[in-house]
Amino acid sequence: MFETKIRKVGNSSVMTLSAELLAILDAKEGDSLFVVRGDDGSLKIMAHDPSVVAALEAAEIVMDENRTLLAALA
C-alpha cells in the first residue's frame, strides 16, 4: 500500500507519486495515467488506456484462432 497527499497547485489539486510508485506503474514524468472506477467504488490507476489494452487482447485471441489463415495471407 502506498500513501500520498493531495495538495493545491494553482486552481488544481495534485497527487504526488513517489519514484517507487512510478516504477511499479512503469510510468515517468509527462506520461498519462488512467483512473478507472471499479464496481465496488474502488479506483484503479493504470499507465495504459484500458480500452486499448482490451482491444489488443481481443485482437490476440482472433489472431491465435486464425493463425494459419493469417499466415497464408501474409
C-alpha atoms as a PDB file:
ATOM      1  CA  MET A   1       0.000   0.000   0.000  1.00  0.00           C
ATOM      2  CA  PHE A   2       1.209   3.498  -0.813  1.00  0.00           C
ATOM      3  CA  GLU A   3       0.180   6.717   0.876  1.00  0.00           C
ATOM      4  CA  THR A   4       0.248  10.094  -0.831  1.00  0.00           C
ATOM      5  CA  LYS A   5      -1.187  13.519  -0.118  1.00  0.00           C
ATOM      6  CA  ILE A   6      -3.374  15.772  -2.233  1.00  0.00           C
ATOM      7  CA  ARG A   7      -2.226  19.376  -2.350  1.00  0.00           C
ATOM      8  CA  LYS A   8      -3.326  22.566  -4.074  1.00  0.00           C
ATOM      9  CA  VAL A   9      -1.316  23.936  -7.015  1.00  0.00           C
ATOM     10  CA  GLY A  10      -2.943  26.986  -8.575  1.00  0.00           C
ATOM     11  CA  ASN A  11      -6.582  26.127  -9.242  1.00  0.00           C
ATOM     12  CA  SER A  12      -5.910  22.385  -9.313  1.00  0.00           C
ATOM     13  CA  SER A  13      -5.403  19.638  -6.776  1.00  0.00           C
ATOM     14  CA  VAL A  14      -2.458  17.323  -7.410  1.00  0.00           C
ATOM     15  CA  MET A  15      -1.339  13.980  -6.060  1.00  0.00           C
ATOM     16  CA  THR A  16       2.399  13.346  -5.823  1.00  0.00           C
ATOM     17  CA  LEU A  17       3.570   9.897  -6.895  1.00  0.00           C
ATOM     18  CA  SER A  18       6.811   8.545  -5.473  1.00  0.00           C
ATOM     19  CA  ALA A  19       9.577   7.185  -7.699  1.00  0.00           C
ATOM     20  CA  GLU A  20       8.766   3.701  -6.378  1.00  0.00           C
ATOM     21  CA  LEU A  21       5.100   4.003  -7.388  1.00  0.00           C
ATOM     22  CA  LEU A  22       6.052   5.331 -10.826  1.00  0.00           C
ATOM     23  CA  ALA A  23       8.358   2.338 -11.281  1.00  0.00           C
ATOM     24  CA  ILE A  24       5.532  -0.050 -10.388  1.00  0.00           C
ATOM     25  CA  LEU A  25       3.238   1.699 -12.881  1.00  0.00           C
ATOM     26  CA  ASP A  26       6.035   1.688 -15.485  1.00  0.00           C
ATOM     27  CA  ALA A  27       5.402   5.424 -15.916  1.00  0.00           C
ATOM     28  CA  LYS A  28       7.553   8.530 -15.980  1.00  0.00           C
ATOM     29  CA  GLU A  29       7.053  12.271 -15.726  1.00  0.00           C
ATOM     30  CA  GLY A  30       4.869  13.518 -18.577  1.00  0.00           C
ATOM     31  CA  ASP A  31       3.089  10.170 -19.140  1.00  0.00           C
ATOM     32  CA  SER A  32      -0.693   9.978 -18.979  1.00  0.00           C
ATOM     33  CA  LEU A  33      -2.295   7.816 -16.311  1.00  0.00           C
ATOM     34  CA  PHE A  34      -5.813   6.421 -16.487  1.00  0.00           C
ATOM     35  CA  VAL A  35      -8.083   6.095 -13.467  1.00  0.00           C
ATOM     36  CA  VAL A  36     -10.876   3.513 -13.687  1.00  0.00           C
ATOM     37  CA  ARG A  37     -13.660   3.188 -11.132  1.00  0.00           C
ATOM     38  CA  GLY A  38     -14.484  -0.379 -10.124  1.00  0.00           C
ATOM     39  CA  ASP A  39     -17.964  -1.763  -9.484  1.00  0.00           C
ATOM     40  CA  ASP A  40     -17.250  -1.624  -5.765  1.00  0.00           C
ATOM     41  CA  GLY A  41     -16.331   2.080  -5.919  1.00  0.00           C
ATOM     42  CA  SER A  42     -12.588   1.444  -5.817  1.00  0.00           C
ATOM     43  CA  LEU A  43     -10.212   3.315  -8.124  1.00  0.00           C
ATOM     44  CA  LYS A  44      -7.547   1.655 -10.255  1.00  0.00           C
ATOM     45  CA  ILE A  45      -4.615   3.680 -11.639  1.00  0.00           C
ATOM     46  CA  MET A  46      -3.243   2.350 -14.918  1.00  0.00           C
ATOM     47  CA  ALA A  47      -0.384   3.542 -17.104  1.00  0.00           C
ATOM     48  CA  HIS A  48      -2.124   2.283 -20.263  1.00  0.00           C
ATOM     49  CA  ASP A  49      -5.554   3.101 -21.690  1.00  0.00           C
ATOM     50  CA  PRO A  50      -7.799   0.194 -20.631  1.00  0.00           C
ATOM     51  CA  SER A  51      -9.814   0.340 -23.884  1.00  0.00           C
ATOM     52  CA  VAL A  52      -6.635  -0.114 -25.947  1.00  0.00           C
ATOM     53  CA  VAL A  53      -5.477  -2.967 -23.719  1.00  0.00           C
ATOM     54  CA  ALA A  54      -8.864  -4.697 -24.144  1.00  0.00           C
ATOM     55  CA  ALA A  55      -8.737  -4.249 -27.931  1.00  0.00           C
ATOM     56  CA  LEU A  56      -5.219  -5.678 -28.117  1.00  0.00           C
ATOM     57  CA  GLU A  57      -6.252  -8.692 -26.027  1.00  0.00           C
ATOM     58  CA  ALA A  58      -9.237  -9.301 -28.331  1.00  0.00           C
ATOM     59  CA  ALA A  59      -7.012  -8.992 -31.415  1.00  0.00           C
ATOM     60  CA  GLU A  60      -4.573 -11.502 -29.955  1.00  0.00           C
ATOM     61  CA  ILE A  61      -7.383 -14.025 -29.446  1.00  0.00           C
ATOM     62  CA  VAL A  62      -8.573 -13.573 -33.050  1.00  0.00           C
ATOM     63  CA  MET A  63      -5.021 -13.929 -34.385  1.00  0.00           C
ATOM     64  CA  ASP A  64      -4.468 -17.101 -32.344  1.00  0.00           C
ATOM     65  CA  GLU A  65      -7.729 -18.613 -33.633  1.00  0.00           C
ATOM     66  CA  ASN A  66      -6.882 -17.760 -37.264  1.00  0.00           C
ATOM     67  CA  ARG A  67      -3.116 -18.279 -37.273  1.00  0.00           C
ATOM     68  CA  THR A  68      -2.989 -20.471 -40.409  1.00  0.00           C
ATOM     69  CA  LEU A  69      -5.303 -18.188 -42.390  1.00  0.00           C
ATOM     70  CA  LEU A  70      -3.279 -15.112 -41.466  1.00  0.00           C
ATOM     71  CA  ALA A  71      -0.025 -16.894 -42.336  1.00  0.00           C
ATOM     72  CA  ALA A  72      -1.436 -17.781 -45.768  1.00  0.00           C
ATOM     73  CA  LEU A  73      -2.477 -14.157 -46.350  1.00  0.00           C
ATOM     74  CA  ALA A  74       0.982 -12.864 -45.399  1.00  0.00           C
END
